[in-house]
């Protein structure tokens, strides 16, 4: 069973918007990173975010997590007893909806893919099933 709810701490929510807005100011360009916390059967809690360099060829309309930095982050998260909940990126000029590129490049089955739209002040999230994105409710945590 996959979870149906993603809980973001206020600090993480604020940090995701801050990171996404920095991409608007610097480009515009998409920003990206790793979400960490605790995975559960029905609820996933995100207590940390980790900024990762976007190494995509065209960061205005795509993202690619820097591989070495991502691996080091995942190893650090797991060494501290936390779970990798998923990944986030921004859509600096469009809604928080998976694009055709997002669908084509999604590879982590069962993990959360979170999209931040600073222009619409929106964060949305999905699980990738291997075939499609299933939406999650994004709620505020403590």
N, C-alpha and C. Protein backbone atom coordinates (compact mmCIF):
# COMPACT_ATOMS: atom_id res chain seq x y z
N UNK A 1 0.84 -1.18 0.00
CA UNK A 1 0.00 0.00 0.00
C UNK A 1 0.88 1.24 0.00
N UNK A 2 0.58 2.18 -0.85
CA UNK A 2 1.34 3.43 -0.85
C UNK A 2 0.59 4.47 -0.04
N UNK A 3 1.34 5.43 0.43
CA UNK A 3 0.74 6.47 1.26
C UNK A 3 -0.17 7.36 0.43
N UNK A 4 -1.05 8.06 1.12
CA UNK A 4 -1.96 8.97 0.44
C UNK A 4 -1.76 10.41 0.91
N UNK A 5 -0.83 10.60 1.87
CA UNK A 5 -0.64 11.92 2.44
C UNK A 5 0.84 12.21 2.62
N UNK A 6 1.23 13.43 2.29
CA UNK A 6 2.59 13.90 2.51
C UNK A 6 2.53 15.05 3.51
N UNK A 7 3.21 14.88 4.64
CA UNK A 7 3.23 15.90 5.68
C UNK A 7 4.56 16.64 5.61
N UNK A 8 4.48 17.96 5.43
CA UNK A 8 5.67 18.81 5.38
C UNK A 8 5.75 19.64 6.64
N UNK A 9 6.89 19.62 7.30
CA UNK A 9 7.06 20.51 8.45
C UNK A 9 7.04 21.95 7.94
N UNK A 10 6.64 22.90 8.79
CA UNK A 10 6.64 24.31 8.36
C UNK A 10 8.02 24.77 7.87
N UNK A 11 9.08 24.31 8.53
CA UNK A 11 10.43 24.70 8.12
C UNK A 11 10.75 24.19 6.72
N UNK A 12 10.36 22.96 6.42
CA UNK A 12 10.62 22.40 5.09
C UNK A 12 9.78 23.13 4.04
N UNK A 13 8.51 23.35 4.32
CA UNK A 13 7.65 24.07 3.37
C UNK A 13 8.26 25.43 3.03
N UNK A 14 8.67 26.17 4.05
CA UNK A 14 9.27 27.48 3.85
C UNK A 14 10.56 27.38 3.04
N UNK A 15 11.38 26.39 3.35
CA UNK A 15 12.66 26.21 2.65
C UNK A 15 12.45 25.83 1.19
N UNK A 16 11.44 25.01 0.90
CA UNK A 16 11.17 24.64 -0.49
C UNK A 16 10.77 25.86 -1.31
N UNK A 17 9.90 26.70 -0.74
CA UNK A 17 9.52 27.92 -1.46
C UNK A 17 10.72 28.85 -1.63
N UNK A 18 11.54 28.97 -0.60
CA UNK A 18 12.73 29.82 -0.69
C UNK A 18 13.67 29.35 -1.79
N UNK A 19 13.90 28.03 -1.84
CA UNK A 19 14.77 27.47 -2.86
C UNK A 19 14.18 27.71 -4.25
N UNK A 20 12.88 27.46 -4.39
CA UNK A 20 12.22 27.65 -5.69
C UNK A 20 12.28 29.11 -6.13
N UNK A 21 12.09 30.02 -5.20
CA UNK A 21 12.15 31.45 -5.55
C UNK A 21 13.56 31.87 -5.96
N UNK A 22 14.57 31.23 -5.38
CA UNK A 22 15.95 31.54 -5.79
C UNK A 22 16.18 31.15 -7.24
N UNK A 23 15.51 30.09 -7.69
CA UNK A 23 15.61 29.68 -9.08
C UNK A 23 14.95 30.67 -10.03
N UNK A 24 13.89 31.33 -9.56
CA UNK A 24 13.25 32.36 -10.36
C UNK A 24 14.18 33.56 -10.49
N UNK A 25 14.78 33.94 -9.37
CA UNK A 25 15.66 35.11 -9.35
C UNK A 25 16.94 34.90 -10.16
N UNK A 26 17.40 33.66 -10.22
CA UNK A 26 18.67 33.34 -10.89
C UNK A 26 18.51 32.88 -12.33
N UNK A 27 17.36 33.04 -12.92
CA UNK A 27 17.24 32.42 -14.23
C UNK A 27 16.19 33.01 -15.14
N UNK A 28 15.06 32.42 -15.17
CA UNK A 28 14.57 31.36 -14.28
C UNK A 28 15.20 30.00 -14.59
N UNK A 29 15.27 29.19 -13.55
CA UNK A 29 15.77 27.82 -13.68
C UNK A 29 15.06 26.95 -12.65
N UNK A 30 14.93 25.67 -12.97
CA UNK A 30 14.37 24.73 -12.02
C UNK A 30 15.43 24.41 -10.97
N UNK A 31 14.97 24.26 -9.73
CA UNK A 31 15.84 23.82 -8.64
C UNK A 31 15.37 22.44 -8.22
N UNK A 32 16.22 21.70 -7.50
CA UNK A 32 15.84 20.34 -7.13
C UNK A 32 16.55 19.90 -5.87
N UNK A 33 16.08 18.76 -5.33
CA UNK A 33 16.70 18.23 -4.14
C UNK A 33 16.04 16.95 -3.66
N UNK A 34 16.50 16.52 -2.49
CA UNK A 34 16.06 15.27 -1.87
C UNK A 34 15.20 15.60 -0.65
N UNK A 35 14.13 14.85 -0.45
CA UNK A 35 13.27 14.97 0.72
C UNK A 35 13.53 13.79 1.65
N UNK A 36 13.72 14.08 2.94
CA UNK A 36 14.02 13.03 3.91
C UNK A 36 13.08 13.13 5.10
N UNK A 37 12.90 12.01 5.77
CA UNK A 37 12.03 11.96 6.95
C UNK A 37 11.68 10.53 7.27
N UNK A 38 10.37 10.25 7.33
CA UNK A 38 9.90 8.92 7.66
C UNK A 38 8.81 8.49 6.68
N UNK A 39 9.00 7.31 6.10
CA UNK A 39 8.01 6.74 5.19
C UNK A 39 7.08 5.85 5.99
N UNK A 40 5.79 5.93 5.68
CA UNK A 40 4.81 5.08 6.35
C UNK A 40 3.85 4.48 5.36
N UNK A 41 2.93 3.64 5.86
CA UNK A 41 1.96 2.99 4.98
C UNK A 41 0.96 3.98 4.40
N UNK A 42 0.51 4.94 5.21
CA UNK A 42 -0.50 5.87 4.74
C UNK A 42 -0.03 7.32 4.74
N UNK A 43 1.00 7.62 5.54
CA UNK A 43 1.47 9.00 5.67
C UNK A 43 2.99 9.01 5.57
N UNK A 44 3.50 9.97 4.82
CA UNK A 44 4.95 10.17 4.75
C UNK A 44 5.25 11.55 5.34
N UNK A 45 6.21 11.59 6.25
CA UNK A 45 6.58 12.83 6.93
C UNK A 45 7.92 13.32 6.40
N UNK A 46 7.96 14.55 5.93
CA UNK A 46 9.21 15.16 5.47
C UNK A 46 9.68 16.13 6.55
N UNK A 47 10.86 15.85 7.09
CA UNK A 47 11.42 16.71 8.14
C UNK A 47 12.68 17.42 7.68
N UNK A 48 13.22 17.01 6.52
CA UNK A 48 14.43 17.62 5.99
C UNK A 48 14.33 17.73 4.47
N UNK A 49 14.96 18.75 3.95
CA UNK A 49 15.16 18.85 2.51
C UNK A 49 16.65 19.08 2.29
N UNK A 50 17.15 18.60 1.19
CA UNK A 50 18.57 18.74 0.86
C UNK A 50 18.67 19.26 -0.56
N UNK A 51 19.18 20.48 -0.70
CA UNK A 51 19.36 21.06 -2.03
C UNK A 51 20.43 20.28 -2.79
N UNK A 52 20.13 19.98 -4.04
CA UNK A 52 21.07 19.29 -4.92
C UNK A 52 21.21 20.13 -6.19
N UNK A 53 22.41 20.23 -6.70
CA UNK A 53 22.64 21.00 -7.92
C UNK A 53 21.85 20.41 -9.09
N UNK A 54 21.21 21.28 -9.86
CA UNK A 54 20.52 20.88 -11.07
C UNK A 54 21.54 20.88 -12.20
N UNK A 55 21.88 19.69 -12.70
CA UNK A 55 22.90 19.57 -13.74
C UNK A 55 22.28 19.35 -15.13
N UNK A 56 20.98 19.62 -15.27
CA UNK A 56 20.32 19.45 -16.56
C UNK A 56 20.93 20.37 -17.61
N UNK A 57 20.92 19.91 -18.84
CA UNK A 57 21.45 20.70 -19.95
C UNK A 57 20.68 22.02 -20.12
N UNK A 58 19.36 21.96 -19.91
CA UNK A 58 18.52 23.17 -20.00
C UNK A 58 17.75 23.32 -18.70
N UNK A 59 18.35 23.91 -17.66
CA UNK A 59 17.70 23.98 -16.36
C UNK A 59 16.48 24.91 -16.31
N UNK A 60 16.23 25.64 -17.38
CA UNK A 60 15.03 26.48 -17.39
C UNK A 60 13.78 25.62 -17.46
N UNK A 61 13.86 24.48 -18.13
CA UNK A 61 12.67 23.65 -18.34
C UNK A 61 12.85 22.20 -17.90
N UNK A 62 13.96 21.89 -17.26
CA UNK A 62 14.20 20.50 -16.85
C UNK A 62 15.09 20.48 -15.61
N UNK A 63 15.09 19.33 -14.96
CA UNK A 63 16.01 19.17 -13.83
C UNK A 63 16.67 17.80 -13.91
N UNK A 64 17.85 17.73 -13.39
CA UNK A 64 18.58 16.47 -13.23
C UNK A 64 19.42 16.62 -11.97
N UNK A 65 19.13 15.78 -11.01
CA UNK A 65 19.88 15.82 -9.75
C UNK A 65 21.33 15.43 -10.01
N UNK A 66 22.27 16.23 -9.50
CA UNK A 66 23.68 15.88 -9.62
C UNK A 66 23.92 14.51 -9.01
N UNK A 67 24.39 13.52 -9.78
CA UNK A 67 24.47 12.14 -9.30
C UNK A 67 25.33 11.93 -8.06
N UNK A 68 26.54 12.45 -8.04
CA UNK A 68 27.43 12.23 -6.90
C UNK A 68 26.88 12.89 -5.65
N UNK A 69 26.36 14.09 -5.80
CA UNK A 69 25.79 14.81 -4.66
C UNK A 69 24.54 14.10 -4.13
N UNK A 70 23.73 13.57 -5.04
CA UNK A 70 22.53 12.84 -4.63
C UNK A 70 22.90 11.58 -3.86
N UNK A 71 23.85 10.82 -4.38
CA UNK A 71 24.28 9.59 -3.70
C UNK A 71 24.82 9.90 -2.31
N UNK A 72 25.66 10.91 -2.20
CA UNK A 72 26.22 11.29 -0.89
C UNK A 72 25.12 11.70 0.07
N UNK A 73 24.12 12.42 -0.42
CA UNK A 73 23.00 12.85 0.42
C UNK A 73 22.19 11.65 0.89
N UNK A 74 21.88 10.74 -0.01
CA UNK A 74 21.12 9.54 0.35
C UNK A 74 21.87 8.73 1.40
N UNK A 75 23.16 8.55 1.21
CA UNK A 75 23.96 7.80 2.18
C UNK A 75 23.95 8.48 3.55
N UNK A 76 24.05 9.81 3.57
CA UNK A 76 24.02 10.55 4.83
C UNK A 76 22.67 10.42 5.52
N UNK A 77 21.60 10.58 4.76
CA UNK A 77 20.24 10.47 5.31
C UNK A 77 20.04 9.09 5.94
N UNK A 78 20.38 8.05 5.21
CA UNK A 78 20.18 6.69 5.71
C UNK A 78 21.09 6.37 6.89
N UNK A 79 22.31 6.90 6.90
CA UNK A 79 23.24 6.67 8.01
C UNK A 79 22.71 7.27 9.31
N UNK A 80 21.88 8.30 9.20
CA UNK A 80 21.30 8.94 10.38
C UNK A 80 19.96 8.33 10.76
N UNK A 81 19.58 7.23 10.10
CA UNK A 81 18.36 6.52 10.47
C UNK A 81 17.08 7.10 9.89
N UNK A 82 17.21 7.99 8.94
CA UNK A 82 16.03 8.55 8.28
C UNK A 82 15.79 7.84 6.96
N UNK A 83 14.63 8.09 6.39
CA UNK A 83 14.28 7.53 5.08
C UNK A 83 14.38 8.62 4.01
N UNK A 84 14.76 8.22 2.83
CA UNK A 84 14.58 9.09 1.67
C UNK A 84 13.11 8.96 1.30
N UNK A 85 12.38 10.06 1.42
CA UNK A 85 10.95 10.06 1.11
C UNK A 85 10.75 10.27 -0.39
N UNK A 86 11.60 11.09 -0.98
CA UNK A 86 11.47 11.35 -2.41
C UNK A 86 12.30 12.53 -2.84
N UNK A 87 11.81 13.20 -3.85
CA UNK A 87 12.59 14.25 -4.51
C UNK A 87 11.67 15.43 -4.81
N UNK A 88 12.27 16.60 -4.92
CA UNK A 88 11.48 17.77 -5.29
C UNK A 88 12.19 18.53 -6.40
N UNK A 89 11.40 19.28 -7.14
CA UNK A 89 11.93 20.24 -8.09
C UNK A 89 10.90 21.34 -8.28
N UNK A 90 11.31 22.40 -8.92
CA UNK A 90 10.40 23.53 -9.10
C UNK A 90 10.02 23.68 -10.57
N UNK A 91 8.88 24.33 -10.75
CA UNK A 91 8.44 24.79 -12.06
C UNK A 91 8.35 26.31 -11.94
N UNK A 92 9.42 27.02 -12.27
CA UNK A 92 9.46 28.46 -12.02
C UNK A 92 8.44 29.27 -12.80
N UNK A 93 8.00 28.75 -13.94
CA UNK A 93 7.09 29.52 -14.79
C UNK A 93 5.81 28.76 -15.13
N UNK A 94 5.54 27.68 -14.42
CA UNK A 94 4.36 26.89 -14.76
C UNK A 94 3.77 26.26 -13.49
N UNK A 95 2.57 25.69 -13.62
CA UNK A 95 1.91 25.09 -12.46
C UNK A 95 2.67 23.89 -11.89
N UNK A 96 2.32 23.55 -10.68
CA UNK A 96 2.91 22.39 -9.99
C UNK A 96 2.20 21.12 -10.47
N UNK A 97 2.44 20.77 -11.72
CA UNK A 97 1.89 19.57 -12.35
C UNK A 97 3.02 18.85 -13.06
N UNK A 98 3.06 17.52 -13.03
CA UNK A 98 4.11 16.81 -13.76
C UNK A 98 4.05 17.11 -15.26
N UNK A 99 5.18 17.46 -15.82
CA UNK A 99 5.27 17.72 -17.25
C UNK A 99 5.53 16.40 -17.99
N UNK A 100 5.49 16.46 -19.30
CA UNK A 100 5.82 15.27 -20.10
C UNK A 100 7.26 14.84 -19.81
N UNK A 101 8.15 15.80 -19.63
CA UNK A 101 9.54 15.48 -19.29
C UNK A 101 9.62 14.82 -17.92
N UNK A 102 8.87 15.34 -16.95
CA UNK A 102 8.85 14.72 -15.62
C UNK A 102 8.42 13.26 -15.71
N UNK A 103 7.39 12.99 -16.49
CA UNK A 103 6.89 11.62 -16.63
C UNK A 103 7.93 10.73 -17.32
N UNK A 104 8.57 11.25 -18.33
CA UNK A 104 9.54 10.45 -19.08
C UNK A 104 10.79 10.14 -18.26
N UNK A 105 11.14 11.01 -17.32
CA UNK A 105 12.38 10.83 -16.58
C UNK A 105 12.19 10.27 -15.17
N UNK A 106 10.95 10.05 -14.74
CA UNK A 106 10.71 9.49 -13.40
C UNK A 106 11.20 8.05 -13.35
N UNK A 107 11.98 7.72 -12.33
CA UNK A 107 12.55 6.38 -12.23
C UNK A 107 12.39 5.73 -10.86
N UNK A 108 12.14 6.49 -9.82
CA UNK A 108 12.10 5.94 -8.46
C UNK A 108 10.67 5.51 -8.13
N UNK A 109 10.34 4.26 -8.43
CA UNK A 109 9.00 3.73 -8.20
C UNK A 109 8.71 3.72 -6.69
N UNK A 110 7.51 4.22 -6.34
CA UNK A 110 7.07 4.23 -4.96
C UNK A 110 7.53 5.42 -4.15
N UNK A 111 8.36 6.26 -4.74
CA UNK A 111 8.85 7.43 -4.02
C UNK A 111 8.03 8.66 -4.39
N UNK A 112 8.14 9.68 -3.54
CA UNK A 112 7.41 10.92 -3.73
C UNK A 112 8.16 11.82 -4.71
N UNK A 113 7.41 12.41 -5.61
CA UNK A 113 7.90 13.46 -6.50
C UNK A 113 7.09 14.71 -6.16
N UNK A 114 7.77 15.71 -5.67
CA UNK A 114 7.14 16.94 -5.21
C UNK A 114 7.50 18.07 -6.17
N UNK A 115 6.52 18.87 -6.54
CA UNK A 115 6.76 20.00 -7.45
C UNK A 115 6.33 21.28 -6.76
N UNK A 116 7.22 22.26 -6.79
CA UNK A 116 6.98 23.56 -6.18
C UNK A 116 6.79 24.59 -7.29
N UNK A 117 5.68 25.33 -7.24
CA UNK A 117 5.43 26.42 -8.18
C UNK A 117 5.43 27.72 -7.41
N UNK A 118 6.57 28.45 -7.42
CA UNK A 118 6.61 29.69 -6.66
C UNK A 118 5.66 30.76 -7.21
N UNK A 119 5.41 30.75 -8.51
CA UNK A 119 4.52 31.76 -9.09
C UNK A 119 3.08 31.56 -8.65
N UNK A 120 2.71 30.32 -8.32
CA UNK A 120 1.35 30.03 -7.87
C UNK A 120 1.29 29.72 -6.38
N UNK A 121 2.45 29.86 -5.71
CA UNK A 121 2.53 29.61 -4.27
C UNK A 121 1.94 28.25 -3.90
N UNK A 122 2.35 27.23 -4.67
CA UNK A 122 1.77 25.89 -4.54
C UNK A 122 2.85 24.82 -4.46
N UNK A 123 2.61 23.85 -3.58
CA UNK A 123 3.41 22.63 -3.53
C UNK A 123 2.46 21.46 -3.70
N UNK A 124 2.75 20.59 -4.66
CA UNK A 124 1.95 19.38 -4.87
C UNK A 124 2.88 18.18 -4.92
N UNK A 125 2.31 16.99 -4.70
CA UNK A 125 3.15 15.79 -4.65
C UNK A 125 2.41 14.59 -5.21
N UNK A 126 3.22 13.62 -5.69
CA UNK A 126 2.71 12.39 -6.28
C UNK A 126 3.65 11.25 -5.94
N UNK A 127 3.11 10.04 -5.99
CA UNK A 127 3.93 8.83 -6.01
C UNK A 127 4.08 8.41 -7.46
N UNK A 128 5.26 7.96 -7.83
CA UNK A 128 5.48 7.41 -9.16
C UNK A 128 5.26 5.91 -9.07
N UNK A 129 4.34 5.37 -9.87
CA UNK A 129 4.02 3.94 -9.84
C UNK A 129 4.86 3.13 -10.82
N UNK A 130 5.61 3.81 -11.65
CA UNK A 130 6.32 3.16 -12.74
C UNK A 130 5.60 3.37 -14.05
N UNK A 131 4.32 3.76 -13.96
CA UNK A 131 3.53 4.04 -15.15
C UNK A 131 2.86 5.41 -15.10
N UNK A 132 2.55 5.85 -13.89
CA UNK A 132 1.85 7.13 -13.76
C UNK A 132 2.14 7.75 -12.39
N UNK A 133 1.78 9.02 -12.28
CA UNK A 133 1.87 9.72 -11.01
C UNK A 133 0.53 9.64 -10.30
N UNK A 134 0.53 9.16 -9.04
CA UNK A 134 -0.68 9.14 -8.22
C UNK A 134 -0.60 10.30 -7.23
N UNK A 135 -1.61 11.19 -7.22
CA UNK A 135 -1.54 12.37 -6.37
C UNK A 135 -1.60 12.05 -4.87
N UNK A 136 -0.92 12.88 -4.11
CA UNK A 136 -0.94 12.82 -2.65
C UNK A 136 -1.52 14.12 -2.11
N UNK A 137 -2.16 14.04 -0.96
CA UNK A 137 -2.55 15.25 -0.25
C UNK A 137 -1.32 15.79 0.45
N UNK A 138 -1.02 17.07 0.27
CA UNK A 138 0.10 17.71 0.95
C UNK A 138 -0.46 18.52 2.11
N UNK A 139 -0.03 18.18 3.33
CA UNK A 139 -0.56 18.84 4.52
C UNK A 139 0.58 19.38 5.38
N UNK A 140 0.24 20.34 6.21
CA UNK A 140 1.22 20.93 7.12
C UNK A 140 1.41 20.06 8.34
N UNK A 141 2.66 19.90 8.74
CA UNK A 141 2.99 19.18 9.96
C UNK A 141 3.30 20.15 11.08
N UNK A 142 3.90 19.61 12.11
CA UNK A 142 4.25 20.43 13.28
C UNK A 142 5.70 20.82 13.26
